[in-house]
PDB file of N, CA and C in Angstrom:
ATOM      1  N   UNK A   1     172.985 -27.113  76.970  1.00  0.00           N
ATOM      2  CA  UNK A   1     171.832 -26.946  76.649  1.00  0.00           C
ATOM      3  C   UNK A   1     171.832 -25.946  75.813  1.00  0.00           C
ATOM      4  N   UNK A   2     171.184 -26.185  74.625  1.00  0.00           N
ATOM      5  CA  UNK A   2     171.413 -25.167  73.408  1.00  0.00           C
ATOM      6  C   UNK A   2     170.044 -23.924  73.425  1.00  0.00           C
ATOM      7  N   UNK A   3     170.193 -23.112  73.517  1.00  0.00           N
ATOM      8  CA  UNK A   3     169.454 -21.902  73.506  1.00  0.00           C
ATOM      9  C   UNK A   3     168.412 -21.710  72.202  1.00  0.00           C
ATOM     10  N   UNK A   4     167.376 -21.880  71.969  1.00  0.00           N
ATOM     11  CA  UNK A   4     166.670 -21.303  70.713  1.00  0.00           C
ATOM     12  C   UNK A   4     167.137 -20.159  70.355  1.00  0.00           C
ATOM     13  N   UNK A   5     167.443 -20.026  68.833  1.00  0.00           N
ATOM     14  CA  UNK A   5     167.963 -18.848  68.452  1.00  0.00           C
ATOM     15  C   UNK A   5     167.249 -18.726  67.069  1.00  0.00           C
ATOM     16  N   UNK A   6     167.225 -17.411  66.941  1.00  0.00           N
ATOM     17  CA  UNK A   6     166.721 -17.082  65.946  1.00  0.00           C
ATOM     18  C   UNK A   6     167.475 -16.610  64.302  1.00  0.00           C
ATOM     19  N   UNK A   7     168.326 -17.599  64.300  1.00  0.00           N
ATOM     20  CA  UNK A   7     168.844 -17.607  62.864  1.00  0.00           C
ATOM     21  C   UNK A   7     170.545 -17.311  62.888  1.00  0.00           C
ATOM     22  N   UNK A   8     171.423 -17.228  64.176  1.00  0.00           N
ATOM     23  CA  UNK A   8     172.591 -17.347  63.761  1.00  0.00           C
ATOM     24  C   UNK A   8     173.360 -15.866  63.636  1.00  0.00           C
ATOM     25  N   UNK A   9     172.728 -15.036  64.413  1.00  0.00           N
ATOM     26  CA  UNK A   9     173.082 -13.233  64.220  1.00  0.00           C
ATOM     27  C   UNK A   9     174.666 -13.494  64.482  1.00  0.00           C
ATOM     28  N   UNK A  10     175.480 -12.639  63.683  1.00  0.00           N
ATOM     29  CA  UNK A  10     177.059 -12.521  64.045  1.00  0.00           C
ATOM     30  C   UNK A  10     177.258 -11.428  64.868  1.00  0.00           C
ATOM     31  N   UNK A  11     176.461 -10.844  65.354  1.00  0.00           N
ATOM     32  CA  UNK A  11     177.129  -9.784  66.141  1.00  0.00           C
ATOM     33  C   UNK A  11     177.697 -10.288  67.374  1.00  0.00           C
ATOM     34  N   UNK A  12     178.638  -9.232  67.633  1.00  0.00           N
ATOM     35  CA  UNK A  12     179.433 -10.188  68.932  1.00  0.00           C
ATOM     36  C   UNK A  12     178.676 -10.297  70.286  1.00  0.00           C
ATOM     37  N   UNK A  13     178.008  -8.853  70.382  1.00  0.00           N
ATOM     38  CA  UNK A  13     177.142  -8.970  71.556  1.00  0.00           C
ATOM     39  C   UNK A  13     176.308 -10.187  71.646  1.00  0.00           C
ATOM     40  N   UNK A  14     175.604 -10.059  70.373  1.00  0.00           N
ATOM     41  CA  UNK A  14     174.283 -11.359  70.507  1.00  0.00           C
ATOM     42  C   UNK A  14     175.283 -12.770  70.512  1.00  0.00           C
ATOM     43  N   UNK A  15     176.589 -12.571  69.978  1.00  0.00           N
ATOM     44  CA  UNK A  15     176.857 -13.903  70.197  1.00  0.00           C
ATOM     45  C   UNK A  15     177.478 -14.398  71.786  1.00  0.00           C
ATOM     46  N   UNK A  16     177.906 -13.388  72.658  1.00  0.00           N
ATOM     47  CA  UNK A  16     178.818 -13.779  73.861  1.00  0.00           C
ATOM     48  C   UNK A  16     176.803 -13.967  74.533  1.00  0.00           C
ATOM     49  N   UNK A  17     175.682 -13.213  74.214  1.00  0.00           N
ATOM     50  CA  UNK A  17     174.336 -13.227  75.074  1.00  0.00           C
ATOM     51  C   UNK A  17     174.276 -15.090  74.678  1.00  0.00           C
ATOM     52  N   UNK A  18     174.354 -15.339  73.675  1.00  0.00           N
ATOM     53  CA  UNK A  18     173.905 -16.766  73.241  1.00  0.00           C
ATOM     54  C   UNK A  18     175.078 -17.893  73.803  1.00  0.00           C
ATOM     55  N   UNK A  19     176.073 -17.744  74.204  1.00  0.00           N
ATOM     56  CA  UNK A  19     176.965 -18.372  75.011  1.00  0.00           C
ATOM     57  C   UNK A  19     176.702 -18.452  76.204  1.00  0.00           C
ATOM     58  N   UNK A  20     176.397 -17.153  77.103  1.00  0.00           N
ATOM     59  CA  UNK A  20     175.886 -17.335  78.150  1.00  0.00           C
ATOM     60  C   UNK A  20     174.475 -18.073  78.429  1.00  0.00           C
ATOM     61  N   UNK A  21     173.550 -17.872  77.448  1.00  0.00           N
ATOM     62  CA  UNK A  21     172.225 -18.899  77.594  1.00  0.00           C
ATOM     63  C   UNK A  21     172.457 -20.114  77.638  1.00  0.00           C
ATOM     64  N   UNK A  22     173.455 -20.576  76.724  1.00  0.00           N
ATOM     65  CA  UNK A  22     173.873 -21.903  76.390  1.00  0.00           C
ATOM     66  C   UNK A  22     174.304 -22.354  77.477  1.00  0.00           C
ATOM     67  N   UNK A  23     175.093 -21.602  78.666  1.00  0.00           N
ATOM     68  CA  UNK A  23     175.398 -22.240  79.621  1.00  0.00           C
ATOM     69  C   UNK A  23     174.632 -22.661  80.766  1.00  0.00           C
ATOM     70  N   UNK A  24     173.353 -21.941  80.650  1.00  0.00           N
ATOM     71  CA  UNK A  24     171.942 -21.895  81.747  1.00  0.00           C
ATOM     72  C   UNK A  24     171.768 -23.705  81.775  1.00  0.00           C
ATOM     73  N   UNK A  25     171.732 -24.115  83.557  1.00  0.00           N
ATOM     74  CA  UNK A  25     171.504 -25.269  83.513  1.00  0.00           C
ATOM     75  C   UNK A  25     172.991 -25.790  84.110  1.00  0.00           C
ATOM     76  N   UNK A  26     173.711 -25.851  83.753  1.00  0.00           N
ATOM     77  CA  UNK A  26     174.852 -26.519  83.991  1.00  0.00           C
ATOM     78  C   UNK A  26     175.751 -26.884  85.236  1.00  0.00           C
ATOM     79  N   UNK A  27     174.890 -26.477  86.335  1.00  0.00           N
ATOM     80  CA  UNK A  27     175.433 -26.553  87.651  1.00  0.00           C
ATOM     81  C   UNK A  27     176.964 -25.379  87.884  1.00  0.00           C
ATOM     82  N   UNK A  28     177.611 -26.193  88.543  1.00  0.00           N
ATOM     83  CA  UNK A  28     178.983 -25.372  88.638  1.00  0.00           C
ATOM     84  C   UNK A  28     179.506 -24.833  87.341  1.00  0.00           C
ATOM     85  N   UNK A  29     179.493 -25.469  86.364  1.00  0.00           N
ATOM     86  CA  UNK A  29     179.811 -24.931  84.998  1.00  0.00           C
ATOM     87  C   UNK A  29     179.225 -23.614  84.567  1.00  0.00           C
ATOM     88  N   UNK A  30     178.058 -23.756  84.864  1.00  0.00           N
ATOM     89  CA  UNK A  30     177.470 -22.409  84.448  1.00  0.00           C
ATOM     90  C   UNK A  30     177.902 -20.919  85.039  1.00  0.00           C
ATOM     91  N   UNK A  31     178.597 -21.374  86.419  1.00  0.00           N
ATOM     92  CA  UNK A  31     179.075 -20.322  87.062  1.00  0.00           C
ATOM     93  C   UNK A  31     180.404 -20.166  86.782  1.00  0.00           C
ATOM     94  N   UNK A  32     181.340 -21.149  86.699  1.00  0.00           N
ATOM     95  CA  UNK A  32     182.752 -20.846  85.693  1.00  0.00           C
ATOM     96  C   UNK A  32     182.627 -20.131  84.201  1.00  0.00           C
ATOM     97  N   UNK A  33     181.537 -20.577  83.825  1.00  0.00           N
ATOM     98  CA  UNK A  33     181.483 -19.638  82.351  1.00  0.00           C
ATOM     99  C   UNK A  33     180.987 -18.252  82.649  1.00  0.00           C
ATOM    100  N   UNK A  34     180.262 -18.263  83.424  1.00  0.00           N
ATOM    101  CA  UNK A  34     179.963 -16.727  83.795  1.00  0.00           C
ATOM    102  C   UNK A  34     181.065 -15.727  84.229  1.00  0.00           C
ATOM    103  N   UNK A  35     181.884 -16.380  85.092  1.00  0.00           N
ATOM    104  CA  UNK A  35     183.165 -15.887  85.755  1.00  0.00           C
ATOM    105  C   UNK A  35     183.733 -15.622  84.461  1.00  0.00           C
ATOM    106  N   UNK A  36     184.261 -16.460  83.689  1.00  0.00           N
ATOM    107  CA  UNK A  36     185.435 -16.556  82.735  1.00  0.00           C
ATOM    108  C   UNK A  36     185.204 -15.399  81.594  1.00  0.00           C
ATOM    109  N   UNK A  37     183.622 -14.746  81.469  1.00  0.00           N
ATOM    110  CA  UNK A  37     183.274 -14.011  80.495  1.00  0.00           C
ATOM    111  C   UNK A  37     182.767 -12.432  81.559  1.00  0.00           C
ATOM    112  N   UNK A  38     182.934 -12.584  82.451  1.00  0.00           N
ATOM    113  CA  UNK A  38     182.501 -11.317  83.180  1.00  0.00           C
ATOM    114  C   UNK A  38     183.643 -10.322  83.309  1.00  0.00           C
ATOM    115  N   UNK A  39     183.263  -9.112  83.107  1.00  0.00           N
ATOM    116  CA  UNK A  39     184.246  -7.844  83.178  1.00  0.00           C
ATOM    117  C   UNK A  39     184.932  -7.772  84.504  1.00  0.00           C
ATOM    118  N   UNK A  40     185.947  -7.150  84.317  1.00  0.00           N
ATOM    119  CA  UNK A  40     187.161  -6.788  85.507  1.00  0.00           C
ATOM    120  C   UNK A  40     186.338  -6.397  86.568  1.00  0.00           C
ATOM    121  N   UNK A  41     185.254  -5.147  86.319  1.00  0.00           N
ATOM    122  CA  UNK A  41     184.494  -4.252  87.201  1.00  0.00           C
ATOM    123  C   UNK A  41     183.595  -5.723  87.574  1.00  0.00           C
ATOM    124  N   UNK A  42     183.092  -6.377  86.883  1.00  0.00           N
ATOM    125  CA  UNK A  42     181.981  -7.534  87.658  1.00  0.00           C
ATOM    126  C   UNK A  42     182.777  -8.172  88.548  1.00  0.00           C
ATOM    127  N   UNK A  43     183.658  -8.775  88.299  1.00  0.00           N
ATOM    128  CA  UNK A  43     184.576  -9.453  89.226  1.00  0.00           C
ATOM    129  C   UNK A  43     185.207  -8.988  90.210  1.00  0.00           C
ATOM    130  N   UNK A  44     185.257  -7.448  90.246  1.00  0.00           N
ATOM    131  CA  UNK A  44     185.529  -6.542  91.207  1.00  0.00           C
ATOM    132  C   UNK A  44     184.471  -6.684  92.455  1.00  0.00           C
ATOM    133  N   UNK A  45     183.275  -6.477  91.587  1.00  0.00           N
ATOM    134  CA  UNK A  45     182.253  -6.405  92.539  1.00  0.00           C
ATOM    135  C   UNK A  45     181.907  -7.648  93.282  1.00  0.00           C
ATOM    136  N   UNK A  46     181.969  -8.947  92.691  1.00  0.00           N
ATOM    137  CA  UNK A  46     181.268 -10.042  93.307  1.00  0.00           C
ATOM    138  C   UNK A  46     182.479 -10.768  93.723  1.00  0.00           C
ATOM    139  N   UNK A  47     183.845 -10.506  93.307  1.00  0.00           N
ATOM    140  CA  UNK A  47     184.798 -11.270  94.102  1.00  0.00           C
ATOM    141  C   UNK A  47     185.406 -12.140  93.118  1.00  0.00           C
ATOM    142  N   UNK A  48     186.214 -13.143  93.925  1.00  0.00           N
ATOM    143  CA  UNK A  48     186.890 -14.164  93.224  1.00  0.00           C
ATOM    144  C   UNK A  48     186.301 -15.487  92.479  1.00  0.00           C
ATOM    145  N   UNK A  49     186.700 -16.241  91.834  1.00  0.00           N
ATOM    146  CA  UNK A  49     185.856 -17.218  91.217  1.00  0.00           C
ATOM    147  C   UNK A  49     184.713 -17.785  92.446  1.00  0.00           C
ATOM    148  N   UNK A  50     185.219 -18.336  93.501  1.00  0.00           N
ATOM    149  CA  UNK A  50     184.575 -19.251  94.516  1.00  0.00           C
ATOM    150  C   UNK A  50     183.081 -18.026  94.996  1.00  0.00           C
ATOM    151  N   UNK A  51     183.744 -16.933  95.599  1.00  0.00           N
ATOM    152  CA  UNK A  51     182.602 -15.812  95.369  1.00  0.00           C
ATOM    153  C   UNK A  51     181.547 -15.906  94.762  1.00  0.00           C
ATOM    154  N   UNK A  52     182.036 -15.678  93.251  1.00  0.00           N
ATOM    155  CA  UNK A  52     181.043 -15.464  92.578  1.00  0.00           C
ATOM    156  C   UNK A  52     180.338 -16.677  91.957  1.00  0.00           C
ATOM    157  N   UNK A  53     180.956 -17.694  92.094  1.00  0.00           N
ATOM    158  CA  UNK A  53     179.951 -19.352  91.952  1.00  0.00           C
ATOM    159  C   UNK A  53     178.900 -19.400  93.346  1.00  0.00           C
ATOM    160  N   UNK A  54     179.394 -18.646  94.424  1.00  0.00           N
ATOM    161  CA  UNK A  54     178.428 -18.572  95.894  1.00  0.00           C
ATOM    162  C   UNK A  54     177.325 -17.438  95.118  1.00  0.00           C
ATOM    163  N   UNK A  55     177.570 -16.648  94.638  1.00  0.00           N
ATOM    164  CA  UNK A  55     176.449 -15.271  94.381  1.00  0.00           C
ATOM    165  C   UNK A  55     175.411 -15.835  93.128  1.00  0.00           C
ATOM    166  N   UNK A  56     175.916 -16.325  92.393  1.00  0.00           N
ATOM    167  CA  UNK A  56     175.341 -16.978  91.313  1.00  0.00           C
ATOM    168  C   UNK A  56     174.170 -18.260  91.689  1.00  0.00           C
ATOM    169  N   UNK A  57     174.598 -18.817  92.813  1.00  0.00           N
ATOM    170  CA  UNK A  57     174.188 -19.945  93.241  1.00  0.00           C
ATOM    171  C   UNK A  57     172.970 -19.578  94.362  1.00  0.00           C
ATOM    172  N   UNK A  58     173.008 -18.296  94.541  1.00  0.00           N
ATOM    173  CA  UNK A  58     171.743 -18.050  95.543  1.00  0.00           C
ATOM    174  C   UNK A  58     170.621 -18.074  95.262  1.00  0.00           C
ATOM    175  N   UNK A  59     169.538 -17.916  95.816  1.00  0.00           N
ATOM    176  CA  UNK A  59     168.127 -18.008  95.654  1.00  0.00           C
ATOM    177  C   UNK A  59     167.774 -17.395  94.315  1.00  0.00           C
ATOM    178  N   UNK A  60     168.033 -16.015  94.366  1.00  0.00           N
ATOM    179  CA  UNK A  60     168.143 -15.180  93.139  1.00  0.00           C
ATOM    180  C   UNK A  60     168.538 -15.376  91.606  1.00  0.00           C
ATOM    181  N   UNK A  61     169.486 -16.261  91.938  1.00  0.00           N
ATOM    182  CA  UNK A  61     170.068 -16.635  90.505  1.00  0.00           C
ATOM    183  C   UNK A  61     170.497 -17.983  90.294  1.00  0.00           C
ATOM    184  N   UNK A  62     169.696 -18.942  91.400  1.00  0.00           N
ATOM    185  CA  UNK A  62     170.040 -20.464  91.194  1.00  0.00           C
ATOM    186  C   UNK A  62     169.391 -20.927  89.576  1.00  0.00           C
ATOM    187  N   UNK A  63     167.911 -20.230  89.229  1.00  0.00           N
ATOM    188  CA  UNK A  63     167.378 -20.513  88.081  1.00  0.00           C
ATOM    189  C   UNK A  63     168.496 -20.878  87.073  1.00  0.00           C
ATOM    190  N   UNK A  64     169.567 -19.871  86.695  1.00  0.00           N
ATOM    191  CA  UNK A  64     170.616 -20.273  86.032  1.00  0.00           C
ATOM    192  C   UNK A  64     171.355 -21.299  86.091  1.00  0.00           C
ATOM    193  N   UNK A  65     171.638 -21.444  87.517  1.00  0.00           N
ATOM    194  CA  UNK A  65     172.533 -22.655  87.420  1.00  0.00           C
ATOM    195  C   UNK A  65     171.663 -23.797  87.336  1.00  0.00           C
ATOM    196  N   UNK A  66     170.520 -24.176  87.905  1.00  0.00           N
ATOM    197  CA  UNK A  66     169.789 -25.464  87.719  1.00  0.00           C
ATOM    198  C   UNK A  66     168.654 -25.178  87.102  1.00  0.00           C
ATOM    199  N   UNK A  67     168.403 -24.139  86.092  1.00  0.00           N
ATOM    200  CA  UNK A  67     167.297 -24.476  84.942  1.00  0.00           C
ATOM    201  C   UNK A  67     167.140 -25.544  83.809  1.00  0.00           C
ATOM    202  N   UNK A  68     166.033 -25.624  83.733  1.00  0.00           N
ATOM    203  CA  UNK A  68     165.675 -26.922  82.818  1.00  0.00           C
ATOM    204  C   UNK A  68     165.830 -26.456  81.293  1.00  0.00           C
ATOM    205  N   UNK A  69     165.663 -25.323  80.969  1.00  0.00           N
ATOM    206  CA  UNK A  69     166.012 -24.875  79.591  1.00  0.00           C
ATOM    207  C   UNK A  69     166.044 -23.153  79.253  1.00  0.00           C
ATOM    208  N   UNK A  70     166.422 -22.953  78.472  1.00  0.00           N
ATOM    209  CA  UNK A  70     166.699 -21.169  78.514  1.00  0.00           C
ATOM    210  C   UNK A  70     166.651 -20.666  77.115  1.00  0.00           C
ATOM    211  N   UNK A  71     165.670 -19.455  76.914  1.00  0.00           N
ATOM    212  CA  UNK A  71     165.687 -18.889  75.607  1.00  0.00           C
ATOM    213  C   UNK A  71     166.384 -17.552  75.627  1.00  0.00           C
ATOM    214  N   UNK A  72     166.958 -17.054  74.671  1.00  0.00           N
ATOM    215  CA  UNK A  72     167.128 -15.763  74.470  1.00  0.00           C
ATOM    216  C   UNK A  72     166.079 -15.219  73.606  1.00  0.00           C
ATOM    217  N   UNK A  73     165.415 -14.345  74.195  1.00  0.00           N
ATOM    218  CA  UNK A  73     164.201 -13.676  73.812  1.00  0.00           C
ATOM    219  C   UNK A  73     164.211 -12.390  72.921  1.00  0.00           C
ATOM    220  N   UNK A  74     164.939 -11.518  73.567  1.00  0.00           N
ATOM    221  CA  UNK A  74     165.418 -10.564  72.827  1.00  0.00           C
ATOM    222  C   UNK A  74     166.558 -10.054  72.820  1.00  0.00           C
ATOM    223  N   UNK A  75     167.453  -9.138  72.133  1.00  0.00           N
ATOM    224  CA  UNK A  75     168.674  -8.751  72.013  1.00  0.00           C
ATOM    225  C   UNK A  75     168.197  -7.292  71.774  1.00  0.00           C
ATOM    226  N   UNK A  76     169.182  -6.309  72.298  1.00  0.00           N
ATOM    227  CA  UNK A  76     169.083  -4.819  71.940  1.00  0.00           C
ATOM    228  C   UNK A  76     170.656  -4.806  72.084  1.00  0.00           C
ATOM    229  N   UNK A  77     170.927  -4.253  71.156  1.00  0.00           N
ATOM    230  CA  UNK A  77     172.365  -3.689  70.951  1.00  0.00           C
ATOM    231  C   UNK A  77     172.278  -2.199  70.625  1.00  0.00           C
ATOM    232  N   UNK A  78     173.115  -1.349  71.422  1.00  0.00           N
ATOM    233  CA  UNK A  78     173.612   0.068  71.475  1.00  0.00           C
ATOM    234  C   UNK A  78     174.858   0.388  71.434  1.00  0.00           C
ATOM    235  N   UNK A  79     175.543   0.348  70.158  1.00  0.00           N
ATOM    236  CA  UNK A  79     176.966   0.713  70.240  1.00  0.00           C
ATOM    237  C   UNK A  79     177.652  -0.378  71.182  1.00  0.00           C
ATOM    238  N   UNK A  80     178.569  -0.158  71.881  1.00  0.00           N
ATOM    239  CA  UNK A  80     179.581  -1.327  72.116  1.00  0.00           C
ATOM    240  C   UNK A  80     178.994  -1.880  73.535  1.00  0.00           C
ATOM    241  N   UNK A  81     177.589  -2.002  73.468  1.00  0.00           N
ATOM    242  CA  UNK A  81     177.091  -3.002  74.571  1.00  0.00           C
ATOM    243  C   UNK A  81     175.382  -3.494  74.251  1.00  0.00           C
ATOM    244  N   UNK A  82     174.946  -4.388  74.758  1.00  0.00           N
ATOM    245  CA  UNK A  82     174.151  -5.177  74.652  1.00  0.00           C
ATOM    246  C   UNK A  82     173.628  -5.593  75.419  1.00  0.00           C
ATOM    247  N   UNK A  83     172.110  -5.822  75.541  1.00  0.00           N
ATOM    248  CA  UNK A  83     171.036  -6.460  76.692  1.00  0.00           C
ATOM    249  C   UNK A  83     170.206  -7.278  75.997  1.00  0.00           C
ATOM    250  N   UNK A  84     170.426  -8.655  76.343  1.00  0.00           N
ATOM    251  CA  UNK A  84     169.473  -9.599  76.252  1.00  0.00           C
ATOM    252  C   UNK A  84     168.562 -10.207  77.662  1.00  0.00           C
ATOM    253  N   UNK A  85     167.465 -10.376  77.108  1.00  0.00           N
ATOM    254  CA  UNK A  85     166.542 -11.067  77.945  1.00  0.00           C
ATOM    255  C   UNK A  85     166.115 -12.428  77.652  1.00  0.00           C
ATOM    256  N   UNK A  86     166.037 -13.035  78.853  1.00  0.00           N
ATOM    257  CA  UNK A  86     166.309 -14.187  78.598  1.00  0.00           C
ATOM    258  C   UNK A  86     165.380 -15.076  79.701  1.00  0.00           C
ATOM    259  N   UNK A  87     164.470 -15.902  79.178  1.00  0.00           N
ATOM    260  CA  UNK A  87     163.456 -16.952  80.103  1.00  0.00           C
ATOM    261  C   UNK A  87     164.339 -18.129  80.007  1.00  0.00           C
ATOM    262  N   UNK A  88     164.051 -18.408  81.362  1.00  0.00           N
ATOM    263  CA  UNK A  88     164.447 -19.546  81.625  1.00  0.00           C
ATOM    264  C   UNK A  88     163.383 -20.393  82.610  1.00  0.00           C
ATOM    265  N   UNK A  89     163.489 -21.973  81.918  1.00  0.00           N
ATOM    266  CA  UNK A  89     162.482 -22.408  82.536  1.00  0.00           C
ATOM    267  C   UNK A  89     162.524 -23.377  83.986  1.00  0.00           C
ATOM    268  N   UNK A  90     161.712 -23.620  84.954  1.00  0.00           N
ATOM    269  CA  UNK A  90     162.378 -24.056  85.859  1.00  0.00           C
ATOM    270  C   UNK A  90     161.347 -25.196  86.389  1.00  0.00           C
ATOM    271  N   UNK A  91     161.568 -25.720  87.265  1.00  0.00           N
ATOM    272  CA  UNK A  91     160.063 -26.717  87.914  1.00  0.00           C
ATOM    273  C   UNK A  91     159.108 -26.026  88.515  1.00  0.00           C
ATOM    274  N   UNK A  92     159.435 -24.664  88.708  1.00  0.00           N
ATOM    275  CA  UNK A  92     158.663 -24.075  89.397  1.00  0.00           C
ATOM    276  C   UNK A  92     157.753 -22.843  88.396  1.00  0.00           C
ATOM    277  N   UNK A  93     158.419 -23.109  87.265  1.00  0.00           N
ATOM    278  CA  UNK A  93     157.880 -22.180  85.901  1.00  0.00           C
ATOM    279  C   UNK A  93     158.817 -21.151  85.345  1.00  0.00           C
ATOM    280  N   UNK A  94     158.318 -20.422  84.648  1.00  0.00           N
ATOM    281  CA  UNK A  94     159.288 -19.548  83.938  1.00  0.00           C
ATOM    282  C   UNK A  94     160.086 -18.152  84.693  1.00  0.00           C
ATOM    283  N   UNK A  95     161.354 -18.080  84.650  1.00  0.00           N
ATOM    284  CA  UNK A  95     161.963 -16.996  85.417  1.00  0.00           C
ATOM    285  C   UNK A  95     162.480 -16.138  84.000  1.00  0.00           C
ATOM    286  N   UNK A  96     162.561 -14.707  84.147  1.00  0.00           N
ATOM    287  CA  UNK A  96     163.179 -13.988  83.634  1.00  0.00           C
ATOM    288  C   UNK A  96     164.521 -13.143  83.861  1.00  0.00           C
ATOM    289  N   UNK A  97     165.226 -12.953  83.128  1.00  0.00           N
ATOM    290  CA  UNK A  97     166.735 -12.304  83.662  1.00  0.00           C
ATOM    291  C   UNK A  97     167.192 -11.437  82.287  1.00  0.00           C
ATOM    292  N   UNK A  98     167.793 -10.382  82.961  1.00  0.00           N
ATOM    293  CA  UNK A  98     168.319  -9.404  81.533  1.00  0.00           C
ATOM    294  C   UNK A  98     169.817  -9.420  81.759  1.00  0.00           C
ATOM    295  N   UNK A  99     170.616  -9.892  80.631  1.00  0.00           N
ATOM    296  CA  UNK A  99     171.580  -9.938  80.774  1.00  0.00           C
ATOM    297  C   UNK A  99     172.456  -8.612  79.812  1.00  0.00           C
ATOM    298  N   UNK A 100     173.585  -7.913  80.690  1.00  0.00           N
ATOM    299  CA  UNK A 100     174.193  -7.186  80.185  1.00  0.00           C
ATOM    300  C   UNK A 100     175.245  -7.283  79.523  1.00  0.00           C
ATOM    301  N   UNK A 101     176.020  -6.788  78.395  1.00  0.00           N
ATOM    302  CA  UNK A 101     177.081  -7.277  78.104  1.00  0.00           C
ATOM    303  C   UNK A 101     177.801  -5.806  77.122  1.00  0.00           C
ATOM    304  N   UNK A 102     179.325  -5.823  77.298  1.00  0.00           N
ATOM    305  CA  UNK A 102     179.699  -4.955  76.817  1.00  0.00           C
ATOM    306  C   UNK A 102     181.413  -5.059  76.223  1.00  0.00           C
ATOM    307  N   UNK A 103     181.860  -3.985  75.537  1.00  0.00           N
ATOM    308  CA  UNK A 103     183.163  -4.265  74.670  1.00  0.00           C
ATOM    309  C   UNK A 103     184.060  -3.593  75.669  1.00  0.00           C
ATOM    310  N   UNK A 104     185.060  -4.150  76.271  1.00  0.00           N
ATOM    311  CA  UNK A 104     185.998  -3.683  77.279  1.00  0.00           C
ATOM    312  C   UNK A 104     186.719  -2.808  76.550  1.00  0.00           C
ATOM    313  N   UNK A 105     186.623  -1.570  77.179  1.00  0.00           N
ATOM    314  CA  UNK A 105     187.666  -0.261  76.930  1.00  0.00           C
ATOM    315  C   UNK A 105     189.008  -0.309  76.894  1.00  0.00           C
ATOM    316  N   UNK A 106     189.294  -0.772  78.124  1.00  0.00           N
ATOM    317  CA  UNK A 106     190.480  -0.717  78.694  1.00  0.00           C
ATOM    318  C   UNK A 106     191.216  -2.020  79.522  1.00  0.00           C
ATOM    319  N   UNK A 107     192.340  -2.273  79.903  1.00  0.00           N
ATOM    320  CA  UNK A 107     192.868  -3.585  80.349  1.00  0.00           C
ATOM    321  C   UNK A 107     193.132  -4.404  80.072  1.00  0.00           C
ATOM    322  N   UNK A 108     193.492  -5.675  80.447  1.00  0.00           N
ATOM    323  CA  UNK A 108     193.975  -6.680  80.008  1.00  0.00           C
ATOM    324  C   UNK A 108     192.823  -7.238  78.826  1.00  0.00           C
ATOM    325  N   UNK A 109     191.550  -6.880  78.908  1.00  0.00           N
ATOM    326  CA  UNK A 109     190.714  -7.484  77.971  1.00  0.00           C
ATOM    327  C   UNK A 109     190.116  -6.550  77.173  1.00  0.00           C
ATOM    328  N   UNK A 110     190.758  -5.789  76.798  1.00  0.00           N
ATOM    329  CA  UNK A 110     190.414  -4.461  75.904  1.00  0.00           C
ATOM    330  C   UNK A 110     190.332  -5.222  74.617  1.00  0.00           C
ATOM    331  N   UNK A 111     189.009  -4.407  74.258  1.00  0.00           N
ATOM    332  CA  UNK A 111     188.459  -5.119  72.749  1.00  0.00           C
ATOM    333  C   UNK A 111     187.727  -6.429  73.137  1.00  0.00           C
ATOM    334  N   UNK A 112     187.375  -7.013  73.961  1.00  0.00           N
ATOM    335  CA  UNK A 112     186.631  -8.360  74.242  1.00  0.00           C
ATOM    336  C   UNK A 112     185.408  -7.999  74.709  1.00  0.00           C
ATOM    337  N   UNK A 113     184.266  -8.564  73.945  1.00  0.00           N
ATOM    338  CA  UNK A 113     182.833  -8.443  74.774  1.00  0.00           C
ATOM    339  C   UNK A 113     182.851  -9.207  75.989  1.00  0.00           C
ATOM    340  N   UNK A 114     182.147  -8.328  77.240  1.00  0.00           N
ATOM    341  CA  UNK A 114     182.434  -9.133  78.609  1.00  0.00           C
ATOM    342  C   UNK A 114     181.057  -9.187  78.882  1.00  0.00           C
ATOM    343  N   UNK A 115     180.663  -9.729  80.087  1.00  0.00           N
ATOM    344  CA  UNK A 115     179.003  -9.837  80.951  1.00  0.00           C
ATOM    345  C   UNK A 115     179.340  -8.715  81.829  1.00  0.00           C
ATOM    346  N   UNK A 116     178.623  -7.854  82.017  1.00  0.00           N
ATOM    347  CA  UNK A 116     178.855  -6.570  82.602  1.00  0.00           C
ATOM    348  C   UNK A 116     177.527  -6.793  83.778  1.00  0.00           C
ATOM    349  N   UNK A 117     176.763  -7.582  83.426  1.00  0.00           N
ATOM    350  CA  UNK A 117     175.553  -7.744  84.653  1.00  0.00           C
ATOM    351  C   UNK A 117     174.441  -8.068  84.395  1.00  0.00           C
ATOM    352  N   UNK A 118     173.885  -8.863  85.485  1.00  0.00           N
ATOM    353  CA  UNK A 118     172.519  -9.917  85.663  1.00  0.00           C
ATOM    354  C   UNK A 118     171.639  -9.389  86.154  1.00  0.00           C
ATOM    355  N   UNK A 119     170.623  -9.498  85.895  1.00  0.00           N
ATOM    356  CA  UNK A 119     169.156  -8.874  86.680  1.00  0.00           C
ATOM    357  C   UNK A 119     168.161  -9.715  86.417  1.00  0.00           C
ATOM    358  N   UNK A 120     167.600 -10.428  87.592  1.00  0.00           N
ATOM    359  CA  UNK A 120     166.329 -11.053  87.648  1.00  0.00           C
ATOM    360  C   UNK A 120     165.075 -10.013  87.742  1.00  0.00           C
ATOM    361  N   UNK A 121     164.203 -10.093  86.630  1.00  0.00           N
ATOM    362  CA  UNK A 121     163.189  -9.270  86.622  1.00  0.00           C
ATOM    363  C   UNK A 121     161.972  -9.969  87.637  1.00  0.00           C
ATOM    364  N   UNK A 122     160.929  -8.359  88.048  1.00  0.00           N
ATOM    365  CA  UNK A 122     160.595  -8.885  88.934  1.00  0.00           C
ATOM    366  C   UNK A 122     160.917  -9.522  90.626  1.00  0.00           C
ATOM    367  N   UNK A 123     162.253  -8.737  90.681  1.00  0.00           N
ATOM    368  CA  UNK A 123     162.931  -8.912  92.359  1.00  0.00           C
ATOM    369  C   UNK A 123     163.616  -8.019  92.564  1.00  0.00           C
ATOM    370  N   UNK A 124     162.943  -7.341  93.880  1.00  0.00           N
ATOM    371  CA  UNK A 124     163.402  -6.158  94.265  1.00  0.00           C
ATOM    372  C   UNK A 124     164.974  -6.265  94.679  1.00  0.00           C
ATOM    373  N   UNK A 125     165.556  -5.285  94.469  1.00  0.00           N
ATOM    374  CA  UNK A 125     166.857  -5.464  94.577  1.00  0.00           C
ATOM    375  C   UNK A 125     167.144  -4.900  96.046  1.00  0.00           C
TER     376      UNK A 125
END
């Protein structure tokens, strides 16, 4: 799936967000992409790749795995982090997620932009 983009922004945070949006609707490949780009901290919270895939496949996040189309609606970068608002079309209508990405400051992935969080708007945590 190709996200609708506003002209090929080359900022690293934007590029990672565009990659994550492009993965929406890919089933197991979506979870694998998100795990591959997840920060060490996010992996520590969510678990290994199997546990991560199970979490991304739950009711709250399943539109990311099964969505029909996705669009990166807004990107806000602040220093070494960025937040992207993503609209996902499903058979039940549109669902909105907020993705957080940041530049890793330490560890094996130091200097790499990583997925640091995903939240679904309108769902109580």
